[in-house]
Amino acid sequence: MMATTGLMVLHVMLAALVTMHVLLRKRDVGTSIGWIGLTWLSPFLGAGLYWLLGINRVANRARALRRPPGRHLADADEPFPCRLPPGFIALDRTARRLSGHAALPGNRITPLQNGDAAYPRMLEAIEAAGHSVLLSSYILRDDAAGRPILDALIRAHGRGVAVRVLVDGIGGGYFLSPAWRRLRRHGVPAARFMHTSLPWRMPFLNLRSHKKVLILDGRFAFTGGLNIGRENLLASHPAHPVRDIHFAIEGPVTAQLVEAFARDWHWAAGDGDPLPPPAAAPPPAGEVTARIVTSGPDQDLEKIETLTLQAIACAQHSILVLTPYFLPDSRVITALGLAALRGVAVDIVVPQRSDHPFVDWGMRAHIEPILRAGCHIWYNPPPFDHSKLMVVDEGWSLIGSSNWDTRSFRLNFELDVEIYDTAMAAALADVVRHRRGRRLLAAELAQRSLPVRLRDAAMRLALPYI
């Protein structure tokens, strides 16, 4: 009897502690109610799950570690002499305050289709680098696509170039990471982002660095949605081809990319293998105004989603979205629906069949409100398209690593680039429109059988984690 009473008292104490922590730290009402209910109704198990999965230890670690040496970010209120397309002043002000960066003119940004176009340009740039090569990738395979890049990185290191490589701890291979191991064997400084096999660090398994950035000599860069793997070499006819669009960037905005990489490197590697001092500031190379925006479950929480919401709110004529996964939260769904109701043409292009069927199931249970509001959702015919683009009023574009799902907006570490340029927006709008295939109609959703509707609705409940 005394043992039972002691266990009950311990359960009440643990549940009370969890309840206080949830009330003070959690913002989402549904999530808070769920954790509190689980903790009180599942003695010890609920408290244990909350300790493992419910506490955002990343934010605490960020405050301690994510302060690399170097210059501070640009003052968000400091005026910067750049010309913006009409109608985007409010969006620029929001992005400046969210990111801490000014939008910088004088850039050249070149779209590159698939690995067939991007990998040769990346290889050429690595071979030509004389000061530094900084690479961050969610997936980096030691295969037909990645092996030449690994060889080039090893050669660059051998000739005295400061090479730093950051691979995600999950996407790069959790148990085995052949690319990372090969680099380390050749002495190349390489780190795995948030990789651990320790049970008390298990929450980090759900948080990933989804960024894809290559920076050469601080003056030339590549970023977008392209991972490094043979599935992106469409000319070689891989078994599971993946289309994607990447971007070559020259100009002042590359300095912002260097800063973002420096924070991530400091996060993953600590004080070991510090980055080399920056070279001279990159000179102007074109006419495009651009700025980077990062997001993650630390001090950058939901910044890209907030920027996306502001872009939707500022839209007057058109919103074009190309994404491999479409599972945003209710705030984004509501914003898109309101845009359509006020007369904005909203077109969203998603794969006819993605590489994760459960994402497709969850999407179909999630999109009825925006279809009723007048948004158009189009299927992108195979092969699977991993591109991520957003264009508003053919004057503003968003490119980078983030998908339109809760994982990217809230859990992943992401990096996007804003582009204030009508010519680039028009070109990217054409890309999105040419990917449109069959339109998904509300009537098609209504015709799903009851078992299929139940399956889709059940998968929707996992929206924050798929």
Protein backbone atom coordinates (compact mmCIF):
# COMPACT_ATOMS: atom_id res chain seq x y z
CA MET A 1 0.00 0.00 0.00
CA MET A 2 2.77 2.43 0.91
CA ALA A 3 4.58 1.65 -2.35
CA THR A 4 1.42 2.35 -4.34
CA THR A 5 0.86 5.61 -2.48
CA GLY A 6 4.46 6.62 -3.10
CA LEU A 7 4.12 5.95 -6.82
CA MET A 8 0.91 7.98 -6.96
CA VAL A 9 2.58 10.91 -5.19
CA LEU A 10 5.55 10.70 -7.56
CA HIS A 11 3.22 10.63 -10.56
CA VAL A 12 1.33 13.69 -9.32
CA MET A 13 4.59 15.57 -8.75
CA LEU A 14 5.93 14.72 -12.22
CA ALA A 15 2.63 15.57 -13.89
CA ALA A 16 2.49 18.88 -12.02
CA LEU A 17 6.04 19.75 -13.10
CA VAL A 18 5.26 18.91 -16.73
CA THR A 19 2.05 20.95 -16.55
CA MET A 20 3.90 24.00 -15.25
CA HIS A 21 6.57 23.65 -17.94
CA VAL A 22 3.94 23.33 -20.68
CA LEU A 23 1.96 26.32 -19.42
CA LEU A 24 5.06 28.50 -19.34
CA ARG A 25 6.81 27.31 -22.52
CA LYS A 26 4.28 26.02 -25.09
CA ARG A 27 2.42 28.48 -27.32
CA ASP A 28 0.14 26.17 -29.28
CA VAL A 29 -3.06 25.47 -27.32
CA GLY A 30 -3.76 22.08 -28.91
CA THR A 31 -0.23 20.86 -28.30
CA SER A 32 -0.33 22.08 -24.70
CA ILE A 33 -3.62 20.32 -23.96
CA GLY A 34 -2.31 17.13 -25.56
CA TRP A 35 0.87 17.03 -23.49
CA ILE A 36 -0.92 17.85 -20.24
CA GLY A 37 -3.58 15.21 -20.88
CA LEU A 38 -1.02 12.56 -21.83
CA THR A 39 1.04 13.29 -18.73
CA TRP A 40 -1.86 13.04 -16.28
CA LEU A 41 -3.57 10.06 -17.94
CA SER A 42 -0.43 8.01 -18.62
CA PRO A 43 1.55 7.86 -15.38
CA PHE A 44 5.31 8.10 -15.89
CA LEU A 45 5.05 7.26 -19.61
CA GLY A 46 3.57 10.66 -20.43
CA ALA A 47 6.19 12.52 -18.38
CA GLY A 48 8.96 10.43 -19.95
CA LEU A 49 7.75 11.13 -23.49
CA TYR A 50 7.53 14.84 -22.74
CA TRP A 51 11.09 14.85 -21.38
CA LEU A 52 12.30 13.07 -24.53
CA LEU A 53 10.23 14.76 -27.23
CA GLY A 54 8.45 17.79 -25.83
CA ILE A 55 11.28 20.01 -24.56
CA ASN A 56 12.99 22.29 -27.07
CA ARG A 57 16.58 21.83 -25.93
CA VAL A 58 17.75 23.31 -29.22
CA ALA A 59 16.78 26.85 -28.22
CA ASN A 60 18.70 26.52 -24.95
CA ARG A 61 21.75 25.17 -26.76
CA ALA A 62 21.49 27.95 -29.32
CA ARG A 63 21.80 30.62 -26.67
CA ALA A 64 24.99 28.98 -25.42
CA LEU A 65 26.69 28.02 -28.67
CA ARG A 66 25.36 29.89 -31.64
CA ARG A 67 27.43 33.03 -31.24
CA PRO A 68 30.38 32.68 -33.60
CA PRO A 69 32.98 35.40 -33.67
CA GLY A 70 32.76 37.95 -36.43
CA ARG A 71 30.80 41.00 -37.37
CA HIS A 72 27.23 41.45 -36.20
CA LEU A 73 24.27 41.16 -38.52
CA ALA A 74 23.19 44.30 -40.27
CA ASP A 75 20.90 46.56 -38.27
CA ALA A 76 17.38 45.71 -39.37
CA ASP A 77 16.37 49.38 -39.40
CA GLU A 78 19.42 50.70 -41.22
CA PRO A 79 18.39 52.10 -44.60
CA PHE A 80 20.09 50.53 -47.58
CA PRO A 81 20.18 52.06 -51.06
CA CYS A 82 18.34 49.52 -53.22
CA ARG A 83 15.44 49.77 -55.62
CA LEU A 84 12.54 47.43 -55.01
CA PRO A 85 9.71 46.51 -57.39
CA PRO A 86 6.55 48.55 -56.63
CA GLY A 87 4.36 47.17 -53.86
CA PHE A 88 7.06 45.37 -51.88
CA ILE A 89 8.13 48.02 -49.37
CA ALA A 90 6.12 46.45 -46.51
CA LEU A 91 7.44 42.98 -47.34
CA ASP A 92 11.02 44.28 -47.38
CA ARG A 93 10.54 45.91 -44.00
CA THR A 94 9.16 42.68 -42.52
CA ALA A 95 11.95 40.56 -43.95
CA ARG A 96 14.60 43.00 -42.75
CA ARG A 97 13.32 42.83 -39.18
CA LEU A 98 12.86 39.05 -39.27
CA SER A 99 16.28 38.26 -40.70
CA GLY A 100 18.43 41.09 -39.36
CA HIS A 101 19.73 41.53 -42.91
CA ALA A 102 19.31 44.34 -45.41
CA ALA A 103 18.31 43.44 -48.95
CA LEU A 104 21.48 43.85 -51.01
CA PRO A 105 21.56 45.01 -54.64
CA GLY A 106 24.19 44.04 -57.20
CA ASN A 107 23.72 40.26 -57.40
CA ARG A 108 23.52 37.86 -60.30
CA ILE A 109 21.36 34.76 -59.79
CA THR A 110 21.27 31.99 -62.40
CA PRO A 111 18.79 29.06 -62.31
CA LEU A 112 20.29 25.61 -62.92
CA GLN A 113 18.03 22.73 -63.85
CA ASN A 114 18.70 19.43 -62.08
CA GLY A 115 22.05 17.97 -61.13
CA ASP A 116 22.94 17.68 -64.82
CA ALA A 117 23.40 21.46 -64.99
CA ALA A 118 24.27 22.22 -61.36
CA TYR A 119 26.91 19.60 -60.49
CA PRO A 120 29.35 20.46 -63.31
CA ARG A 121 29.17 24.17 -62.35
CA MET A 122 29.74 23.28 -58.69
CA LEU A 123 32.70 21.07 -59.56
CA GLU A 124 34.27 23.77 -61.72
CA ALA A 125 33.88 26.31 -58.92
CA ILE A 126 35.47 24.00 -56.32
CA GLU A 127 38.43 23.33 -58.61
CA ALA A 128 38.91 27.08 -59.11
CA ALA A 129 38.65 28.02 -55.41
CA GLY A 130 41.79 29.53 -53.93
CA HIS A 131 40.76 30.62 -50.42
CA SER A 132 37.82 28.65 -49.01
CA VAL A 133 35.13 26.10 -49.87
CA LEU A 134 32.13 25.86 -47.52
CA LEU A 135 29.57 23.13 -48.20
CA SER A 136 26.40 22.32 -46.29
CA SER A 137 24.05 19.62 -47.58
CA TYR A 138 21.17 17.62 -46.20
CA ILE A 139 22.12 14.64 -48.39
CA LEU A 140 25.67 14.05 -49.63
CA ARG A 141 26.14 10.62 -51.16
CA ASP A 142 29.36 8.88 -52.14
CA ASP A 143 27.95 7.83 -55.52
CA ALA A 144 28.10 8.83 -59.18
CA ALA A 145 26.99 12.35 -58.32
CA GLY A 146 28.72 12.89 -55.00
CA ARG A 147 32.02 11.11 -55.62
CA PRO A 148 33.40 13.71 -58.09
CA ILE A 149 32.47 16.47 -55.65
CA LEU A 150 34.13 14.64 -52.75
CA ASP A 151 37.25 14.16 -54.87
CA ALA A 152 37.29 17.88 -55.71
CA LEU A 153 36.90 18.81 -52.02
CA ILE A 154 39.80 16.53 -51.08
CA ARG A 155 41.97 18.03 -53.83
CA ALA A 156 41.10 21.55 -52.68
CA HIS A 157 42.07 20.67 -49.12
CA GLY A 158 45.32 19.20 -50.41
CA ARG A 159 46.32 22.43 -52.16
CA GLY A 160 45.76 24.48 -49.00
CA VAL A 161 42.20 25.75 -49.50
CA ALA A 162 40.20 26.00 -46.26
CA VAL A 163 37.49 23.36 -46.80
CA ARG A 164 34.62 22.90 -44.33
CA VAL A 165 31.82 20.39 -44.96
CA LEU A 166 28.63 20.11 -42.94
CA VAL A 167 26.31 17.12 -43.48
CA ASP A 168 23.01 16.57 -41.72
CA GLY A 169 23.11 13.83 -39.10
CA ILE A 170 19.99 12.14 -40.51
CA GLY A 171 19.94 12.94 -44.23
CA GLY A 172 23.64 12.21 -44.59
CA GLY A 173 23.14 8.71 -43.15
CA TYR A 174 22.42 8.24 -39.46
CA PHE A 175 24.22 4.96 -38.82
CA LEU A 176 26.67 5.16 -41.70
CA SER A 177 27.75 8.27 -43.56
CA PRO A 178 30.22 7.14 -46.26
CA ALA A 179 30.76 10.65 -47.64
CA TRP A 180 31.54 12.10 -44.21
CA ARG A 181 33.84 9.19 -43.36
CA ARG A 182 35.73 9.56 -46.63
CA LEU A 183 36.31 13.26 -46.07
CA ARG A 184 37.51 12.66 -42.52
CA ARG A 185 39.92 9.93 -43.68
CA HIS A 186 41.57 12.47 -45.99
CA GLY A 187 41.82 15.08 -43.24
CA VAL A 188 39.08 17.35 -44.56
CA PRO A 189 37.30 19.16 -41.68
CA ALA A 190 33.76 17.75 -41.81
CA ALA A 191 30.98 17.69 -39.21
CA ARG A 192 27.59 16.03 -38.87
CA PHE A 193 24.80 18.37 -37.85
CA MET A 194 23.03 17.32 -34.61
CA HIS A 195 24.13 13.71 -34.86
CA THR A 196 24.13 11.64 -31.70
CA SER A 197 23.40 8.09 -30.64
CA LEU A 198 23.00 8.94 -26.95
CA PRO A 199 19.48 8.20 -25.64
CA TRP A 200 19.20 11.47 -23.72
CA ARG A 201 19.87 13.36 -26.94
CA MET A 202 17.22 11.47 -28.91
CA PRO A 203 14.98 14.56 -29.38
CA PHE A 204 17.56 15.85 -31.82
CA LEU A 205 16.62 13.02 -34.21
CA ASN A 206 13.55 15.03 -35.16
CA LEU A 207 15.46 18.22 -35.99
CA ARG A 208 17.41 18.41 -39.22
CA SER A 209 19.58 20.82 -41.16
CA HIS A 210 17.83 20.87 -44.52
CA LYS A 211 20.09 23.54 -46.05
CA LYS A 212 21.94 23.15 -49.34
CA VAL A 213 24.70 25.74 -49.69
CA LEU A 214 28.09 25.78 -51.41
CA ILE A 215 30.21 28.94 -51.05
CA LEU A 216 33.50 29.50 -52.88
CA ASP A 217 36.01 32.11 -51.67
CA GLY A 218 33.14 34.05 -50.09
CA ARG A 219 32.29 35.46 -53.53
CA PHE A 220 30.41 32.79 -55.42
CA ALA A 221 27.71 30.45 -54.12
CA PHE A 222 25.11 27.85 -54.94
CA THR A 223 21.87 27.30 -53.05
CA GLY A 224 18.38 25.98 -53.57
CA GLY A 225 16.73 22.62 -53.06
CA LEU A 226 19.25 20.29 -54.71
CA ASN A 227 20.77 17.49 -52.66
CA ILE A 228 23.88 15.67 -53.89
CA GLY A 229 23.00 12.20 -55.17
CA ARG A 230 22.74 10.27 -58.43
CA GLU A 231 18.94 10.48 -58.44
CA ASN A 232 19.37 14.12 -59.56
CA LEU A 233 21.32 13.14 -62.71
CA LEU A 234 18.34 12.72 -65.01
CA ALA A 235 20.46 12.22 -68.13
CA SER A 236 21.79 8.98 -66.63
CA HIS A 237 18.22 7.62 -66.23
CA PRO A 238 18.37 6.72 -62.52
CA ALA A 239 15.86 4.24 -61.11
CA HIS A 240 14.10 6.96 -59.11
CA PRO A 241 14.76 10.28 -60.88
CA VAL A 242 14.33 13.55 -58.99
CA ARG A 243 13.93 16.88 -60.76
CA ASP A 244 15.13 19.99 -58.95
CA ILE A 245 16.21 23.56 -59.52
CA HIS A 246 19.33 25.08 -57.99
CA PHE A 247 20.81 28.57 -58.26
CA ALA A 248 24.27 30.04 -58.82
CA ILE A 249 24.73 33.33 -56.95
CA GLU A 250 27.35 36.03 -57.31
CA GLY A 251 27.47 39.35 -55.52
CA PRO A 252 27.17 40.95 -52.07
CA VAL A 253 24.49 38.57 -50.77
CA THR A 254 27.08 35.78 -50.63
CA ALA A 255 28.47 37.46 -47.50
CA GLN A 256 25.15 36.72 -45.79
CA LEU A 257 25.44 33.09 -46.86
CA VAL A 258 28.92 32.93 -45.29
CA GLU A 259 27.51 34.26 -42.00
CA ALA A 260 24.74 31.66 -42.02
CA PHE A 261 27.24 28.86 -42.67
CA ALA A 262 29.52 30.18 -39.91
CA ARG A 263 26.69 29.95 -37.36
CA ASP A 264 25.87 26.38 -38.40
CA TRP A 265 29.52 25.34 -38.38
CA HIS A 266 30.03 26.79 -34.91
CA TRP A 267 26.88 24.96 -33.79
CA ALA A 268 28.10 21.58 -35.12
CA ALA A 269 31.87 21.82 -34.63
CA GLY A 270 32.18 24.21 -31.70
CA ASP A 271 35.53 25.98 -31.54
CA GLY A 272 37.36 23.27 -33.46
CA ASP A 273 38.40 23.94 -37.07
CA PRO A 274 37.27 27.60 -37.10
CA LEU A 275 36.46 29.22 -40.40
CA PRO A 276 39.22 31.24 -42.04
CA PRO A 277 39.00 35.03 -41.89
CA PRO A 278 36.73 36.32 -44.64
CA ALA A 279 38.24 37.45 -47.88
CA ALA A 280 37.47 40.86 -49.34
CA ALA A 281 33.79 41.80 -49.57
CA PRO A 282 32.23 40.36 -52.73
CA PRO A 283 31.86 43.01 -55.46
CA PRO A 284 28.62 43.68 -57.36
CA ALA A 285 28.00 41.19 -60.16
CA GLY A 286 24.52 41.95 -61.49
CA GLU A 287 21.26 43.84 -61.03
CA VAL A 288 19.31 41.59 -58.64
CA THR A 289 18.42 42.64 -55.08
CA ALA A 290 18.46 39.71 -52.64
CA ARG A 291 18.60 38.73 -48.98
CA ILE A 292 18.84 35.45 -47.08
CA VAL A 293 16.36 34.36 -44.42
CA THR A 294 17.08 31.44 -42.12
CA SER A 295 14.68 29.49 -39.97
CA GLY A 296 14.95 26.77 -37.34
CA PRO A 297 13.75 25.62 -33.91
CA ASP A 298 16.12 28.02 -32.16
CA GLN A 299 16.12 31.81 -32.19
CA ASP A 300 15.04 31.72 -35.84
CA LEU A 301 11.79 29.91 -34.99
CA GLU A 302 9.18 30.12 -37.80
CA LYS A 303 10.84 33.08 -39.52
CA ILE A 304 10.41 31.65 -43.03
CA GLU A 305 6.79 30.78 -42.33
CA THR A 306 6.20 34.31 -41.01
CA LEU A 307 7.81 35.76 -44.13
CA THR A 308 5.63 33.52 -46.29
CA LEU A 309 2.51 34.71 -44.46
CA GLN A 310 3.51 38.33 -45.04
CA ALA A 311 4.16 37.67 -48.74
CA ILE A 312 0.69 36.13 -49.06
CA ALA A 313 -0.82 39.13 -47.25
CA CYS A 314 0.99 41.58 -49.55
CA ALA A 315 -0.03 39.82 -52.77
CA GLN A 316 -2.33 41.87 -54.99
CA HIS A 317 -2.53 39.86 -58.21
CA SER A 318 -0.93 36.42 -58.13
CA ILE A 319 0.74 33.81 -55.94
CA LEU A 320 2.57 30.92 -57.55
CA VAL A 321 3.97 28.05 -55.49
CA LEU A 322 5.96 25.01 -56.59
CA THR A 323 6.68 22.57 -53.76
CA PRO A 324 7.38 18.85 -53.38
CA TYR A 325 5.27 18.62 -50.21
CA PHE A 326 2.27 20.71 -49.26
CA LEU A 327 1.24 20.31 -45.62
CA PRO A 328 1.37 23.78 -44.02
CA ASP A 329 -0.39 24.60 -40.78
CA SER A 330 -3.81 26.23 -40.49
CA ARG A 331 -2.38 29.77 -40.50
CA VAL A 332 -0.95 29.36 -43.98
CA ILE A 333 -4.07 27.58 -45.23
CA THR A 334 -6.21 30.46 -43.94
CA ALA A 335 -3.93 33.10 -45.46
CA LEU A 336 -4.03 31.43 -48.90
CA GLY A 337 -7.79 31.12 -48.72
CA LEU A 338 -8.18 34.78 -47.80
CA ALA A 339 -5.90 35.79 -50.69
CA ALA A 340 -8.07 33.86 -53.14
CA LEU A 341 -11.24 35.35 -51.68
CA ARG A 342 -9.95 38.89 -52.23
CA GLY A 343 -9.27 38.11 -55.89
CA VAL A 344 -5.63 37.01 -55.94
CA ALA A 345 -4.93 34.16 -58.37
CA VAL A 346 -3.41 31.42 -56.20
CA ASP A 347 -1.81 28.49 -58.02
CA ILE A 348 -0.06 25.70 -56.12
CA VAL A 349 1.81 22.97 -58.01
CA VAL A 350 2.52 19.68 -56.21
CA PRO A 351 3.82 16.32 -57.46
CA GLN A 352 1.26 13.95 -58.92
CA ARG A 353 3.01 11.38 -56.75
CA SER A 354 5.71 12.36 -54.28
CA ASP A 355 8.44 10.12 -52.87
CA HIS A 356 6.48 9.84 -49.61
CA PRO A 357 2.92 8.51 -50.17
CA PHE A 358 1.83 9.37 -46.64
CA VAL A 359 2.51 13.05 -47.39
CA ASP A 360 0.19 12.82 -50.38
CA TRP A 361 -2.47 11.21 -48.19
CA GLY A 362 -2.20 13.90 -45.53
CA MET A 363 -2.32 16.67 -48.15
CA ARG A 364 -5.65 15.46 -49.56
CA ALA A 365 -7.18 15.70 -46.09
CA HIS A 366 -5.79 19.19 -45.62
CA ILE A 367 -6.59 21.24 -48.71
CA GLU A 368 -10.36 21.33 -48.96
CA PRO A 369 -10.66 24.83 -47.36
CA ILE A 370 -8.40 26.48 -49.93
CA LEU A 371 -10.07 24.69 -52.82
CA ARG A 372 -13.44 26.01 -51.61
CA ALA A 373 -11.93 29.50 -51.34
CA GLY A 374 -10.86 29.44 -54.99
CA CYS A 375 -7.20 28.40 -54.87
CA HIS A 376 -6.05 26.15 -57.71
CA ILE A 377 -3.96 23.07 -56.99
CA TRP A 378 -2.23 21.41 -59.92
CA TYR A 379 -0.52 18.04 -60.23
CA ASN A 380 3.06 18.10 -61.48
CA PRO A 381 3.54 15.05 -63.78
CA PRO A 382 6.36 12.56 -63.06
CA PRO A 383 9.22 12.33 -62.47
CA PHE A 384 9.10 13.56 -58.90
CA ASP A 385 9.92 17.27 -58.67
CA HIS A 386 11.79 18.43 -55.55
CA SER A 387 11.89 22.14 -56.53
CA LYS A 388 10.79 24.87 -54.11
CA LEU A 389 9.68 28.21 -55.56
CA MET A 390 7.31 31.01 -54.61
CA VAL A 391 6.52 34.02 -56.82
CA VAL A 392 4.28 36.94 -55.80
CA ASP A 393 2.93 39.49 -58.28
CA GLU A 394 5.81 38.60 -60.63
CA GLY A 395 8.09 40.94 -58.73
CA TRP A 396 9.21 38.98 -55.67
CA SER A 397 10.50 35.41 -55.44
CA LEU A 398 11.55 33.03 -52.70
CA ILE A 399 13.99 30.20 -53.42
CA GLY A 400 15.88 27.85 -51.16
CA SER A 401 15.54 24.70 -49.10
CA SER A 402 12.18 25.00 -47.33
CA ASN A 403 9.16 22.95 -48.30
CA TRP A 404 5.59 24.03 -47.64
CA ASP A 405 5.06 21.80 -44.64
CA THR A 406 5.16 22.15 -40.90
CA ARG A 407 8.43 20.23 -40.68
CA SER A 408 10.24 22.81 -42.81
CA PHE A 409 8.48 25.80 -41.30
CA ARG A 410 8.93 24.76 -37.67
CA LEU A 411 11.34 21.86 -37.09
CA ASN A 412 14.04 21.98 -39.76
CA PHE A 413 16.93 24.40 -40.05
CA GLU A 414 16.29 26.02 -43.43
CA LEU A 415 17.80 28.73 -45.62
CA ASP A 416 15.90 30.67 -48.28
CA VAL A 417 16.80 33.62 -50.48
CA GLU A 418 14.43 36.47 -51.24
CA ILE A 419 14.74 37.96 -54.72
CA TYR A 420 13.35 41.40 -55.51
CA ASP A 421 13.56 41.42 -59.30
CA THR A 422 10.84 41.42 -61.95
CA ALA A 423 12.89 39.62 -64.61
CA MET A 424 13.80 36.76 -62.29
CA ALA A 425 10.23 36.57 -60.97
CA ALA A 426 8.87 36.34 -64.51
CA ALA A 427 11.32 33.56 -65.38
CA LEU A 428 10.48 31.57 -62.25
CA ALA A 429 6.75 32.14 -62.80
CA ASP A 430 7.15 30.52 -66.23
CA VAL A 431 8.87 27.55 -64.58
CA VAL A 432 5.96 27.07 -62.18
CA ARG A 433 3.30 27.45 -64.89
CA HIS A 434 5.03 24.96 -67.18
CA ARG A 435 5.01 22.35 -64.41
CA ARG A 436 1.20 22.42 -64.18
CA GLY A 437 -0.50 19.25 -65.30
CA ARG A 438 -3.95 18.06 -64.27
CA ARG A 439 -5.87 20.27 -61.86
CA LEU A 440 -7.07 18.75 -58.59
CA LEU A 441 -10.76 19.47 -58.05
CA ALA A 442 -12.82 19.42 -54.86
CA ALA A 443 -15.17 16.91 -56.48
CA GLU A 444 -12.30 14.44 -56.75
CA LEU A 445 -11.68 14.67 -53.02
CA ALA A 446 -15.38 14.16 -52.30
CA GLN A 447 -15.39 10.91 -54.29
CA ARG A 448 -12.81 9.20 -52.08
CA SER A 449 -14.10 6.09 -50.33
CA LEU A 450 -14.62 6.16 -46.57
CA PRO A 451 -11.55 3.98 -45.81
CA VAL A 452 -9.37 6.28 -47.95
CA ARG A 453 -10.77 9.42 -46.31
CA LEU A 454 -10.13 7.93 -42.87
CA ARG A 455 -6.57 6.99 -43.84
CA ASP A 456 -5.88 10.49 -45.20
CA ALA A 457 -7.39 12.18 -42.14
CA ALA A 458 -5.38 9.98 -39.79
CA MET A 459 -2.16 10.84 -41.61
CA ARG A 460 -3.04 14.52 -41.35
CA LEU A 461 -2.77 14.21 -37.56
CA ALA A 462 0.94 13.54 -38.01
CA LEU A 463 1.29 16.82 -39.93
CA PRO A 464 4.01 18.34 -37.70
CA TYR A 465 6.31 15.33 -38.10
CA ILE A 466 5.94 14.04 -41.69
